[in-house]
Amino acid sequence: MAVEFIKFLDKYVGKAVCGFLSIFSSKKSLNLKAKKILVIQLWGIGETILMLPSLKALRSGFKKSEIDVLATKRNSSVFYGNKNADKIIELKLNPLSILSFILKNYKKYDLVMDMEEYLNISSIISFFTGKSRLGYSHGIRAGLYDGKVIYNDRQHTSETFLDLVRKLNINYKLKKLEKLSYSKKDKEKVDKFFKAKKLSKKDFIIGIAPGVAESSKCRMWPLKNYSLLSENLLKNKKNKIISIGNEKENEITEKIKDNVKDVKGINNRIINTAGLFNLNELFYLIEKCNLFVGNDSGPMHIAAAQKIKTVGLFGPNLPERFWPYGKGNIAVYKGDNCDFSPCINVHKGQVPDCLFSKNSTDYQKCMKNIKVEDVLGKIRFLSKG
């Protein structure tokens, strides 16, 4: 189903259902000795990556329990090879599939942990499948939970996910993100591609991801800036750039390449991989980079999880919530020039495509305020480390 339609149904129909069900929600204590646990994480790839430490923490407190994860096709690959989950259940986000899952799993779980920040459907699933339910305390959906946690939007999101686990008397200190897994076949495909493109360990490979997910395109740094950044980076003959994105982003990655000037042998020095690799293959591809630059989106979090030096570009959202978590990684934020920043507040369901009109000179005001030299300065800093 189209993303916007799913959001529409969730906002209006889901809200009404939550309000109705809250009448029948009898509050009870959380089951701290649960034998069967369901963790719900249905949406963003970046947020799914950031909740993996919470899954590890949960396992540390429930070593002998069965822990299932409810995900979607969109993000299920993030859990590939993860030893902290017994089963990954892939849910289709349509009414029939959701109803079928609820009927098959009615009150099956001793505890359901809803890690979605604002979706109503996840709380509805929690209500019907869990004997006790844990989630965030904001919104009408909170009426369906037995245990509630305040969503702290002034700390990193990975810590906010961990706050849910801490509600279960599990003390866990976040030190790093969990590394993402891939198969031998994924590795072989990427290695074969590198060999065909004559990329070797002698090259300094910089991954650049200029796109973002379909919601809030205003998070994108202007393409002309990525072109100018690439020109500057390629002045060093050791540097090669890999453009990263999905199939729909092939056009913008090619446009960036076409606008790079005064670079000899550009076809061998800027390599477009948009749409060529699936998500698990992308985990390994990004892992082979020496440095990564990208907008506030999934690939940036992949790079951070794979321990690649990362520069993340922010404007509509605050870096203190979503910066590329990890030692030495850097967020560039110059959104102070915009009265609306942050206009993206995921936990409130606010993910607009800029509050200025696309025809306005102020459209993407916060992202346009990031200069190429700002990013180059951060890259030079990381390269010295």
Protein backbone atom coordinates (compact mmCIF):
# COMPACT_ATOMS: atom_id res chain seq x y z
CA MET A 1 0.00 0.00 0.00
CA ALA A 2 1.16 3.56 -0.71
CA VAL A 3 2.98 5.11 2.23
CA GLU A 4 0.76 8.19 2.39
CA PHE A 5 -2.41 6.07 2.40
CA ILE A 6 -1.05 3.91 5.21
CA LYS A 7 -0.30 7.04 7.23
CA PHE A 8 -3.76 8.41 6.50
CA LEU A 9 -5.48 5.23 7.71
CA ASP A 10 -3.28 5.07 10.78
CA LYS A 11 -3.88 8.70 11.71
CA TYR A 12 -7.64 8.78 11.40
CA VAL A 13 -8.98 5.23 11.55
CA GLY A 14 -6.24 4.06 13.93
CA LYS A 15 -6.83 6.99 16.27
CA ALA A 16 -10.55 6.24 16.47
CA VAL A 17 -9.91 2.55 17.17
CA CYS A 18 -7.40 3.40 19.92
CA GLY A 19 -9.92 5.71 21.56
CA PHE A 20 -12.57 3.00 21.51
CA LEU A 21 -10.28 0.23 22.79
CA SER A 22 -8.96 2.38 25.64
CA ILE A 23 -12.43 2.13 27.23
CA PHE A 24 -11.85 -1.60 27.68
CA SER A 25 -8.18 -1.42 28.60
CA SER A 26 -7.80 -2.71 32.18
CA LYS A 27 -4.37 -1.76 33.47
CA LYS A 28 -2.15 -4.39 35.07
CA SER A 29 1.48 -4.77 36.07
CA LEU A 30 4.08 -5.52 33.43
CA ASN A 31 5.12 -9.17 33.35
CA LEU A 32 8.76 -9.11 34.44
CA LYS A 33 9.01 -12.90 34.09
CA ALA A 34 7.52 -13.13 30.60
CA LYS A 35 8.21 -16.38 28.73
CA LYS A 36 6.96 -15.12 25.37
CA ILE A 37 7.77 -11.55 24.26
CA LEU A 38 6.87 -9.64 21.11
CA VAL A 39 8.83 -6.55 20.03
CA ILE A 40 7.13 -4.33 17.43
CA GLN A 41 9.21 -2.21 15.03
CA LEU A 42 7.38 -1.71 11.73
CA TRP A 43 8.83 1.19 9.84
CA GLY A 44 12.03 3.15 9.27
CA ILE A 45 15.33 1.45 8.51
CA GLY A 46 17.30 4.03 10.48
CA GLU A 47 15.10 3.71 13.55
CA THR A 48 15.23 -0.07 13.32
CA ILE A 49 19.03 0.09 13.39
CA LEU A 50 18.86 2.36 16.43
CA MET A 51 16.60 -0.05 18.34
CA LEU A 52 18.94 -3.05 17.98
CA PRO A 53 20.85 -2.21 21.20
CA SER A 54 17.47 -2.35 22.99
CA LEU A 55 16.85 -5.80 21.58
CA LYS A 56 20.25 -6.89 22.90
CA ALA A 57 19.46 -5.37 26.30
CA LEU A 58 16.09 -7.14 26.37
CA ARG A 59 17.77 -10.46 25.66
CA SER A 60 20.21 -9.86 28.51
CA GLY A 61 17.29 -9.63 30.92
CA PHE A 62 15.22 -12.46 29.42
CA LYS A 63 17.86 -15.03 28.48
CA LYS A 64 15.48 -18.03 28.46
CA SER A 65 12.41 -16.30 27.03
CA GLU A 66 11.19 -16.51 23.44
CA ILE A 67 11.59 -13.09 21.82
CA ASP A 68 9.83 -12.51 18.50
CA VAL A 69 10.09 -9.34 16.42
CA LEU A 70 7.24 -8.01 14.30
CA ALA A 71 8.59 -6.08 11.31
CA THR A 72 7.68 -5.40 7.67
CA LYS A 73 9.36 -6.15 4.36
CA ARG A 74 10.70 -2.60 4.50
CA ASN A 75 12.91 -3.17 7.56
CA SER A 76 13.07 -6.92 8.25
CA SER A 77 16.51 -7.27 6.61
CA VAL A 78 17.98 -5.20 9.45
CA PHE A 79 17.37 -8.19 11.76
CA TYR A 80 19.18 -10.68 9.50
CA GLY A 81 21.50 -12.88 11.58
CA ASN A 82 20.56 -11.12 14.82
CA LYS A 83 21.01 -13.59 17.69
CA ASN A 84 18.88 -11.59 20.11
CA ALA A 85 15.61 -12.54 18.38
CA ASP A 86 14.20 -16.04 18.05
CA LYS A 87 11.90 -15.23 15.15
CA ILE A 88 11.33 -12.32 12.76
CA ILE A 89 7.70 -12.08 11.67
CA GLU A 90 7.11 -10.06 8.51
CA LEU A 91 3.77 -8.22 8.50
CA LYS A 92 2.08 -6.66 5.48
CA LEU A 93 0.61 -3.28 6.36
CA ASN A 94 -2.90 -3.84 5.10
CA PRO A 95 -6.09 -4.42 7.12
CA LEU A 96 -6.50 -8.11 6.20
CA SER A 97 -2.91 -9.06 7.09
CA ILE A 98 -3.06 -7.14 10.36
CA LEU A 99 -6.38 -8.75 11.31
CA SER A 100 -5.03 -12.20 10.41
CA PHE A 101 -1.96 -11.68 12.61
CA ILE A 102 -4.11 -10.52 15.54
CA LEU A 103 -6.48 -13.51 15.27
CA LYS A 104 -3.61 -16.01 15.07
CA ASN A 105 -1.77 -14.44 18.00
CA TYR A 106 -4.58 -13.27 20.28
CA LYS A 107 -3.12 -12.89 23.81
CA LYS A 108 -0.27 -15.18 22.80
CA TYR A 109 2.46 -13.02 24.30
CA ASP A 110 3.08 -12.44 28.00
CA LEU A 111 4.62 -9.07 27.13
CA VAL A 112 4.51 -6.86 24.05
CA MET A 113 7.00 -4.01 23.72
CA ASP A 114 5.82 -1.42 21.18
CA MET A 115 8.86 0.47 19.92
CA GLU A 116 6.97 2.54 17.37
CA GLU A 117 6.99 6.19 18.40
CA TYR A 118 3.63 7.28 17.01
CA LEU A 119 1.88 4.63 14.88
CA ASN A 120 -1.55 3.74 16.21
CA ILE A 121 -1.68 0.34 14.53
CA SER A 122 1.25 -0.94 16.57
CA SER A 123 -0.57 -0.13 19.82
CA ILE A 124 -3.70 -1.86 18.52
CA ILE A 125 -1.68 -4.98 17.71
CA SER A 126 -0.15 -4.75 21.21
CA PHE A 127 -3.61 -4.56 22.80
CA PHE A 128 -4.87 -7.75 21.19
CA THR A 129 -1.71 -9.88 21.24
CA GLY A 130 -0.23 -8.99 24.62
CA LYS A 131 -1.29 -9.92 28.13
CA SER A 132 0.75 -6.91 29.23
CA ARG A 133 1.90 -4.05 27.03
CA LEU A 134 4.69 -1.46 27.17
CA GLY A 135 4.97 1.70 25.06
CA TYR A 136 5.40 5.47 25.05
CA SER A 137 3.18 7.74 27.10
CA HIS A 138 2.12 10.33 24.50
CA GLY A 139 -0.96 10.27 22.30
CA ILE A 140 -4.27 8.46 22.53
CA ARG A 141 -2.47 5.16 21.82
CA ALA A 142 -0.92 5.34 25.29
CA GLY A 143 -4.27 4.35 26.75
CA LEU A 144 -3.69 0.79 25.53
CA TYR A 145 -0.44 0.22 27.47
CA ASP A 146 0.06 -1.13 30.98
CA GLY A 147 3.53 0.36 31.28
CA LYS A 148 4.42 3.77 29.83
CA VAL A 149 7.66 5.65 29.25
CA ILE A 150 8.04 9.34 28.49
CA TYR A 151 9.55 9.89 25.04
CA ASN A 152 12.64 12.02 25.62
CA ASP A 153 13.24 13.95 22.39
CA ARG A 154 16.34 15.67 23.76
CA GLN A 155 18.56 12.60 23.68
CA HIS A 156 19.67 10.15 21.03
CA THR A 157 16.84 7.93 19.80
CA SER A 158 18.80 4.76 20.62
CA GLU A 159 18.72 5.87 24.28
CA THR A 160 15.01 6.60 24.04
CA PHE A 161 14.39 3.05 22.80
CA LEU A 162 16.47 1.76 25.70
CA ASP A 163 14.25 3.68 28.12
CA LEU A 164 11.52 1.15 27.32
CA VAL A 165 13.80 -1.74 28.29
CA ARG A 166 14.88 0.05 31.47
CA LYS A 167 11.22 0.11 32.50
CA LEU A 168 11.63 -3.69 32.88
CA ASN A 169 14.35 -3.21 35.51
CA ILE A 170 17.12 -3.93 33.00
CA ASN A 171 20.12 -1.65 33.37
CA TYR A 172 22.01 -1.29 30.10
CA LYS A 173 24.60 1.31 29.15
CA LEU A 174 24.75 2.17 25.46
CA LYS A 175 28.28 2.07 24.11
CA LYS A 176 27.82 1.40 20.40
CA LEU A 177 25.34 0.40 17.73
CA GLU A 178 24.99 -3.25 16.75
CA LYS A 179 26.81 -4.26 13.58
CA LEU A 180 24.52 -5.28 10.70
CA SER A 181 24.84 -8.73 9.15
CA TYR A 182 24.96 -10.03 5.59
CA SER A 183 25.40 -13.42 3.95
CA LYS A 184 28.37 -14.91 2.16
CA LYS A 185 26.43 -14.50 -1.08
CA ASP A 186 25.90 -10.78 -0.35
CA LYS A 187 29.62 -10.36 0.26
CA GLU A 188 30.58 -12.20 -2.93
CA LYS A 189 28.31 -10.01 -5.07
CA VAL A 190 29.79 -6.77 -3.73
CA ASP A 191 33.37 -8.05 -3.96
CA LYS A 192 32.77 -9.04 -7.58
CA PHE A 193 31.43 -5.55 -8.29
CA PHE A 194 34.48 -3.93 -6.69
CA LYS A 195 36.79 -6.09 -8.76
CA ALA A 196 34.94 -5.18 -11.98
CA LYS A 197 35.24 -1.49 -11.12
CA LYS A 198 38.92 -1.91 -10.23
CA LEU A 199 38.40 -0.71 -6.67
CA SER A 200 41.16 -1.86 -4.34
CA LYS A 201 42.50 -1.34 -0.84
CA LYS A 202 44.82 1.32 -2.26
CA ASP A 203 41.81 3.54 -2.95
CA PHE A 204 40.30 5.81 -0.33
CA ILE A 205 36.60 5.10 -0.87
CA ILE A 206 34.05 7.71 0.13
CA GLY A 207 30.40 6.68 0.21
CA ILE A 208 27.91 9.44 -0.58
CA ALA A 209 24.15 8.99 -0.11
CA PRO A 210 22.35 12.09 -1.46
CA GLY A 211 18.79 10.78 -1.14
CA VAL A 212 16.30 10.28 1.69
CA ALA A 213 13.18 8.17 2.24
CA GLU A 214 9.97 9.21 0.48
CA SER A 215 8.79 11.31 3.41
CA SER A 216 10.23 14.78 3.95
CA LYS A 217 12.43 15.24 0.90
CA CYS A 218 13.53 18.57 2.37
CA ARG A 219 16.14 16.62 4.36
CA MET A 220 18.22 16.44 1.17
CA TRP A 221 21.26 18.64 0.87
CA PRO A 222 21.07 20.40 -2.54
CA LEU A 223 22.46 18.23 -5.35
CA LYS A 224 24.68 21.03 -6.64
CA ASN A 225 26.44 20.96 -3.26
CA TYR A 226 27.07 17.23 -3.56
CA SER A 227 28.57 17.85 -7.02
CA LEU A 228 30.86 20.58 -5.71
CA LEU A 229 31.79 18.41 -2.72
CA SER A 230 32.68 15.58 -5.10
CA GLU A 231 34.85 17.90 -7.21
CA ASN A 232 36.82 18.92 -4.15
CA LEU A 233 37.20 15.38 -2.84
CA LEU A 234 38.46 14.09 -6.19
CA LYS A 235 41.34 16.57 -6.20
CA ASN A 236 43.06 13.90 -4.13
CA LYS A 237 43.96 11.21 -6.68
CA LYS A 238 43.59 8.44 -4.10
CA ASN A 239 39.92 9.27 -3.52
CA LYS A 240 37.10 7.46 -5.25
CA ILE A 241 33.39 8.04 -4.64
CA ILE A 242 30.61 5.48 -4.48
CA SER A 243 27.13 6.97 -4.87
CA ILE A 244 24.62 5.05 -2.78
CA GLY A 245 20.85 4.95 -3.13
CA ASN A 246 17.84 2.93 -4.18
CA GLU A 247 16.54 2.43 -7.70
CA LYS A 248 14.41 5.59 -7.55
CA GLU A 249 17.50 7.64 -6.66
CA ASN A 250 19.49 6.64 -9.73
CA GLU A 251 18.50 9.87 -11.49
CA ILE A 252 19.80 12.15 -8.74
CA THR A 253 23.07 10.24 -8.34
CA GLU A 254 23.64 10.51 -12.10
CA LYS A 255 22.81 14.21 -11.99
CA ILE A 256 25.42 14.79 -9.30
CA LYS A 257 28.00 12.99 -11.42
CA ASP A 258 27.05 14.92 -14.59
CA ASN A 259 27.57 18.24 -12.81
CA VAL A 260 31.06 17.43 -11.57
CA LYS A 261 33.61 19.40 -13.58
CA ASP A 262 37.32 19.26 -14.26
CA VAL A 263 37.80 15.65 -13.13
CA LYS A 264 39.63 13.29 -15.47
CA GLY A 265 38.41 9.71 -15.73
CA ILE A 266 35.23 10.55 -13.88
CA ASN A 267 33.51 7.27 -14.79
CA ASN A 268 36.16 5.37 -12.85
CA ARG A 269 36.22 7.79 -9.94
CA ILE A 270 32.49 8.31 -9.25
CA ILE A 271 30.72 4.97 -9.28
CA ASN A 272 26.95 4.96 -9.16
CA THR A 273 25.48 1.97 -7.28
CA ALA A 274 21.91 3.28 -6.89
CA GLY A 275 19.46 0.39 -7.19
CA LEU A 276 22.14 -2.26 -7.76
CA PHE A 277 22.15 -3.83 -4.30
CA ASN A 278 19.59 -5.06 -1.79
CA LEU A 279 19.71 -3.91 1.82
CA ASN A 280 21.98 -6.65 3.18
CA GLU A 281 24.38 -6.23 0.27
CA LEU A 282 24.37 -2.52 1.03
CA PHE A 283 25.47 -3.25 4.61
CA TYR A 284 28.65 -4.83 3.27
CA LEU A 285 29.12 -2.24 0.50
CA ILE A 286 29.06 0.62 3.01
CA GLU A 287 31.33 -1.36 5.32
CA LYS A 288 34.00 -1.31 2.58
CA CYS A 289 34.02 2.50 2.52
CA ASN A 290 36.70 4.48 4.33
CA LEU A 291 34.39 7.41 4.97
CA PHE A 292 30.72 8.21 4.49
CA VAL A 293 28.72 11.41 3.89
CA GLY A 294 24.92 11.45 3.83
CA ASN A 295 21.69 13.12 4.77
CA ASP A 296 19.62 12.26 7.85
CA SER A 297 18.42 8.90 6.52
CA GLY A 298 18.90 5.12 6.69
CA PRO A 299 22.27 4.82 4.87
CA MET A 300 23.85 7.24 7.36
CA HIS A 301 22.83 4.96 10.24
CA ILE A 302 24.07 1.91 8.33
CA ALA A 303 27.50 3.54 8.03
CA ALA A 304 27.55 4.35 11.74
CA ALA A 305 26.53 0.80 12.65
CA GLN A 306 29.28 -0.63 10.43
CA LYS A 307 31.85 1.55 12.25
CA ILE A 308 32.62 3.75 9.24
CA LYS A 309 33.68 7.35 9.89
CA THR A 310 30.47 9.23 9.12
CA VAL A 311 29.40 12.81 8.46
CA GLY A 312 25.63 13.30 8.73
CA LEU A 313 23.86 16.40 7.38
CA PHE A 314 20.92 17.79 9.38
CA GLY A 315 18.43 20.63 9.16
CA PRO A 316 14.72 19.72 9.59
CA ASN A 317 15.58 17.33 12.44
CA LEU A 318 17.88 17.71 15.43
CA PRO A 319 21.19 15.82 15.38
CA GLU A 320 21.00 15.23 19.12
CA ARG A 321 18.17 12.81 18.30
CA PHE A 322 19.52 11.12 15.19
CA TRP A 323 23.21 11.92 14.74
CA PRO A 324 25.36 9.03 13.37
CA TYR A 325 25.99 7.37 16.72
CA GLY A 326 29.55 6.25 17.33
CA LYS A 327 32.96 7.48 18.38
CA GLY A 328 34.35 10.13 16.03
CA ASN A 329 31.23 10.51 13.89
CA ILE A 330 30.05 14.04 13.20
CA ALA A 331 26.74 15.77 12.51
CA VAL A 332 26.62 19.06 10.60
CA TYR A 333 23.66 21.17 11.69
CA LYS A 334 23.04 24.81 10.78
CA GLY A 335 19.29 24.90 11.20
CA ASP A 336 19.43 27.80 13.63
CA ASN A 337 18.65 30.10 10.70
CA CYS A 338 15.13 28.64 10.49
CA ASP A 339 12.43 29.35 13.06
CA PHE A 340 10.70 26.06 12.19
CA SER A 341 13.65 23.74 12.87
CA PRO A 342 13.04 21.08 14.01
CA CYS A 343 9.93 20.72 11.85
CA ILE A 344 10.42 16.93 11.87
CA ASN A 345 9.26 15.36 15.12
CA VAL A 346 8.92 11.65 14.40
CA HIS A 347 7.43 10.83 17.80
CA LYS A 348 4.57 13.25 17.08
CA GLY A 349 4.01 11.96 13.56
CA GLN A 350 5.28 15.26 12.15
CA VAL A 351 7.32 14.56 9.03
CA PRO A 352 6.51 17.45 6.67
CA ASP A 353 8.27 18.28 3.42
CA CYS A 354 9.41 21.68 4.69
CA LEU A 355 6.99 24.27 6.04
CA PHE A 356 8.05 26.72 3.34
CA SER A 357 6.54 26.39 -0.14
CA LYS A 358 8.66 24.67 -2.79
CA ASN A 359 8.32 27.84 -4.86
CA SER A 360 9.75 29.91 -2.00
CA THR A 361 13.41 30.88 -1.78
CA ASP A 362 13.20 29.70 1.83
CA TYR A 363 12.41 26.11 0.84
CA GLN A 364 15.09 23.89 2.46
CA LYS A 365 16.43 26.99 4.19
CA CYS A 366 18.15 24.97 6.91
CA MET A 367 19.83 22.51 4.52
CA LYS A 368 20.93 25.25 2.13
CA ASN A 369 22.66 26.90 5.08
CA ILE A 370 25.18 24.02 5.18
CA LYS A 371 28.06 25.07 2.93
CA VAL A 372 30.38 22.74 1.06
CA GLU A 373 33.32 24.05 3.09
CA ASP A 374 31.48 23.09 6.29
CA VAL A 375 31.36 19.48 5.15
CA LEU A 376 34.90 19.47 3.75
CA GLY A 377 36.17 20.75 7.10
CA LYS A 378 34.53 17.85 8.94
CA ILE A 379 35.91 15.38 6.39
CA ARG A 380 39.43 16.72 6.86
CA PHE A 381 39.01 16.39 10.61
CA LEU A 382 37.85 12.78 10.37
CA SER A 383 40.53 11.88 7.83
CA LYS A 384 43.22 12.92 10.28
CA GLY A 385 41.82 10.66 13.00
